[in-house]
């Protein structure tokens, strides 16, 4: 996907996404990095990149792995590798005993950790606790405000 030339001017701390006149395939620019997002063919996309929910799962998974790596390194624990799998689904709020919301549907992210290395049971248990402290996890569980404005307007 070609990204418009003037699009490069906003390659800074922001995530910038451009979707052309047709289709869902979107170019993403993050600092000097670029990638593509899309939707599967069965919903009208071309399946040339991960979906937005895949990217959300990737954000949670990478933040979790990095947080566990930092913690284990600081403790000098023998963590040889971390694999984080994240699945997204939706469930009926009425079926969720731990949820405050009781109507409609609730988004659920299920995270599975594989911790490689000769860690003892206490270290493994502590790393599972630390996974819940990764910044993206905390953001997802906090109150989030999304503000939208039209470029060029004084909002």
Protein backbone atom coordinates (compact mmCIF):
# COMPACT_ATOMS: atom_id res chain seq x y z
CA UNK A 1 0.00 0.00 0.00
CA UNK A 2 1.34 3.39 -0.93
CA UNK A 3 1.18 5.95 1.83
CA UNK A 4 0.62 9.52 0.61
CA UNK A 5 3.80 11.65 0.61
CA UNK A 6 2.35 14.23 3.02
CA UNK A 7 1.45 11.40 5.40
CA UNK A 8 5.16 11.17 6.38
CA UNK A 9 4.95 14.60 8.02
CA UNK A 10 2.99 13.14 10.94
CA UNK A 11 5.40 10.26 11.65
CA UNK A 12 6.23 11.20 15.22
CA UNK A 13 4.97 9.97 18.58
CA UNK A 14 1.49 9.35 17.20
CA UNK A 15 0.06 6.25 15.62
CA UNK A 16 -1.21 7.34 12.20
CA UNK A 17 -3.53 5.20 10.08
CA UNK A 18 -4.56 5.80 6.47
CA UNK A 19 -7.31 3.87 4.71
CA UNK A 20 -7.81 4.54 0.97
CA UNK A 21 -11.11 5.22 -0.81
CA UNK A 22 -12.12 1.54 -0.88
CA UNK A 23 -11.45 -1.57 1.15
CA UNK A 24 -10.32 -2.06 4.73
CA UNK A 25 -6.56 -2.51 4.17
CA UNK A 26 -4.96 0.28 6.17
CA UNK A 27 -1.41 1.60 6.32
CA UNK A 28 -0.12 2.24 9.83
CA UNK A 29 2.80 4.53 10.67
CA UNK A 30 4.38 4.54 14.12
CA UNK A 31 7.53 6.65 14.33
CA UNK A 32 9.82 5.17 11.63
CA UNK A 33 7.89 1.87 11.51
CA UNK A 34 5.09 0.88 9.16
CA UNK A 35 2.71 -2.04 9.01
CA UNK A 36 -0.64 -3.00 7.54
CA UNK A 37 -3.97 -3.91 9.12
CA UNK A 38 -6.91 -5.49 7.33
CA UNK A 39 -10.00 -7.60 7.86
CA UNK A 40 -10.49 -11.24 6.85
CA UNK A 41 -11.97 -11.97 3.42
CA UNK A 42 -15.20 -13.30 4.94
CA UNK A 43 -16.04 -9.79 6.21
CA UNK A 44 -14.97 -7.92 3.09
CA UNK A 45 -11.25 -7.46 3.64
CA UNK A 46 -8.28 -8.86 1.75
CA UNK A 47 -6.66 -10.51 4.83
CA UNK A 48 -3.32 -8.79 4.12
CA UNK A 49 -2.68 -7.90 7.74
CA UNK A 50 -3.87 -8.41 11.29
CA UNK A 51 -7.28 -7.09 12.35
CA UNK A 52 -7.62 -4.23 14.83
CA UNK A 53 -8.44 -6.75 17.56
CA UNK A 54 -5.35 -8.77 16.60
CA UNK A 55 -3.30 -5.60 17.08
CA UNK A 56 -4.95 -5.01 20.46
CA UNK A 57 -4.02 -8.56 21.48
CA UNK A 58 -0.48 -7.99 20.19
CA UNK A 59 -0.20 -4.85 22.33
CA UNK A 60 -1.26 -6.76 25.43
CA UNK A 61 0.93 -9.75 24.60
CA UNK A 62 4.09 -7.78 23.88
CA UNK A 63 3.67 -5.54 26.92
CA UNK A 64 3.14 -8.62 29.10
CA UNK A 65 6.23 -10.38 27.74
CA UNK A 66 8.38 -7.26 28.14
CA UNK A 67 7.13 -6.67 31.68
CA UNK A 68 7.91 -10.26 32.66
CA UNK A 69 11.36 -10.03 31.05
CA UNK A 70 12.17 -6.82 32.97
CA UNK A 71 10.96 -8.28 36.28
CA UNK A 72 12.82 -11.58 35.86
CA UNK A 73 16.01 -9.79 34.81
CA UNK A 74 15.83 -7.48 37.82
CA UNK A 75 15.34 -10.49 40.13
CA UNK A 76 18.05 -12.45 38.24
CA UNK A 77 15.58 -15.30 37.71
CA UNK A 78 16.33 -17.93 35.03
CA UNK A 79 13.53 -16.93 32.65
CA UNK A 80 14.74 -18.15 29.27
CA UNK A 81 11.75 -17.08 27.23
CA UNK A 82 8.14 -15.94 27.42
CA UNK A 83 5.33 -16.81 25.04
CA UNK A 84 2.05 -14.95 25.45
CA UNK A 85 -1.06 -16.01 23.57
CA UNK A 86 -4.03 -13.63 23.57
CA UNK A 87 -7.52 -14.50 22.37
CA UNK A 88 -10.42 -12.06 22.07
CA UNK A 89 -14.07 -13.01 22.29
CA UNK A 90 -17.35 -11.62 23.53
CA UNK A 91 -19.65 -13.14 26.08
CA UNK A 92 -23.08 -12.31 27.38
CA UNK A 93 -22.81 -10.07 30.43
CA UNK A 94 -25.40 -12.21 32.23
CA UNK A 95 -22.97 -15.17 32.00
CA UNK A 96 -20.12 -13.25 33.66
CA UNK A 97 -20.22 -13.65 37.44
CA UNK A 98 -17.23 -11.33 37.98
CA UNK A 99 -18.56 -8.50 35.77
CA UNK A 100 -20.37 -5.39 37.01
CA UNK A 101 -22.30 -5.08 33.75
CA UNK A 102 -25.23 -7.49 33.59
CA UNK A 103 -26.76 -6.59 30.20
CA UNK A 104 -25.40 -6.80 26.67
CA UNK A 105 -22.01 -8.29 25.86
CA UNK A 106 -18.60 -8.05 27.48
CA UNK A 107 -15.30 -8.18 25.59
CA UNK A 108 -12.92 -10.75 27.03
CA UNK A 109 -9.19 -11.06 26.43
CA UNK A 110 -7.83 -14.45 27.47
CA UNK A 111 -4.08 -14.46 28.00
CA UNK A 112 -2.06 -17.68 28.29
CA UNK A 113 1.57 -17.55 29.43
CA UNK A 114 4.32 -20.06 28.69
CA UNK A 115 7.38 -19.43 30.85
CA UNK A 116 10.55 -21.18 29.68
CA UNK A 117 13.44 -21.89 32.00
CA UNK A 118 14.18 -23.61 35.32
CA UNK A 119 11.88 -21.43 37.40
CA UNK A 120 10.47 -22.76 40.67
CA UNK A 121 6.74 -22.78 41.43
CA UNK A 122 6.97 -19.59 43.50
CA UNK A 123 8.72 -17.71 40.70
CA UNK A 124 6.16 -18.89 38.16
CA UNK A 125 3.28 -17.84 40.41
CA UNK A 126 4.85 -14.42 40.97
CA UNK A 127 5.34 -13.89 37.22
CA UNK A 128 1.65 -14.64 36.65
CA UNK A 129 0.84 -11.92 39.21
CA UNK A 130 3.27 -9.51 37.54
CA UNK A 131 1.60 -10.10 34.15
CA UNK A 132 -1.45 -8.24 35.47
CA UNK A 133 0.76 -5.22 36.18
CA UNK A 134 1.90 -4.60 32.62
CA UNK A 135 1.01 -1.04 31.56
CA UNK A 136 -1.25 -2.09 28.68
CA UNK A 137 -3.18 -4.47 30.96
CA UNK A 138 -3.63 -1.64 33.47
CA UNK A 139 -4.79 0.71 30.71
CA UNK A 140 -7.32 -1.80 29.41
CA UNK A 141 -8.77 -2.23 32.89
CA UNK A 142 -8.88 1.48 33.69
CA UNK A 143 -11.36 4.13 32.69
CA UNK A 144 -10.38 5.27 29.20
CA UNK A 145 -11.34 8.51 27.52
CA UNK A 146 -11.11 8.67 23.72
CA UNK A 147 -11.31 12.21 22.38
CA UNK A 148 -12.00 12.70 18.68
CA UNK A 149 -11.52 15.89 16.70
CA UNK A 150 -11.47 16.85 13.04
CA UNK A 151 -8.01 17.84 11.73
CA UNK A 152 -7.71 21.56 11.15
CA UNK A 153 -10.48 22.47 13.56
CA UNK A 154 -9.96 24.33 16.80
CA UNK A 155 -11.56 21.92 19.26
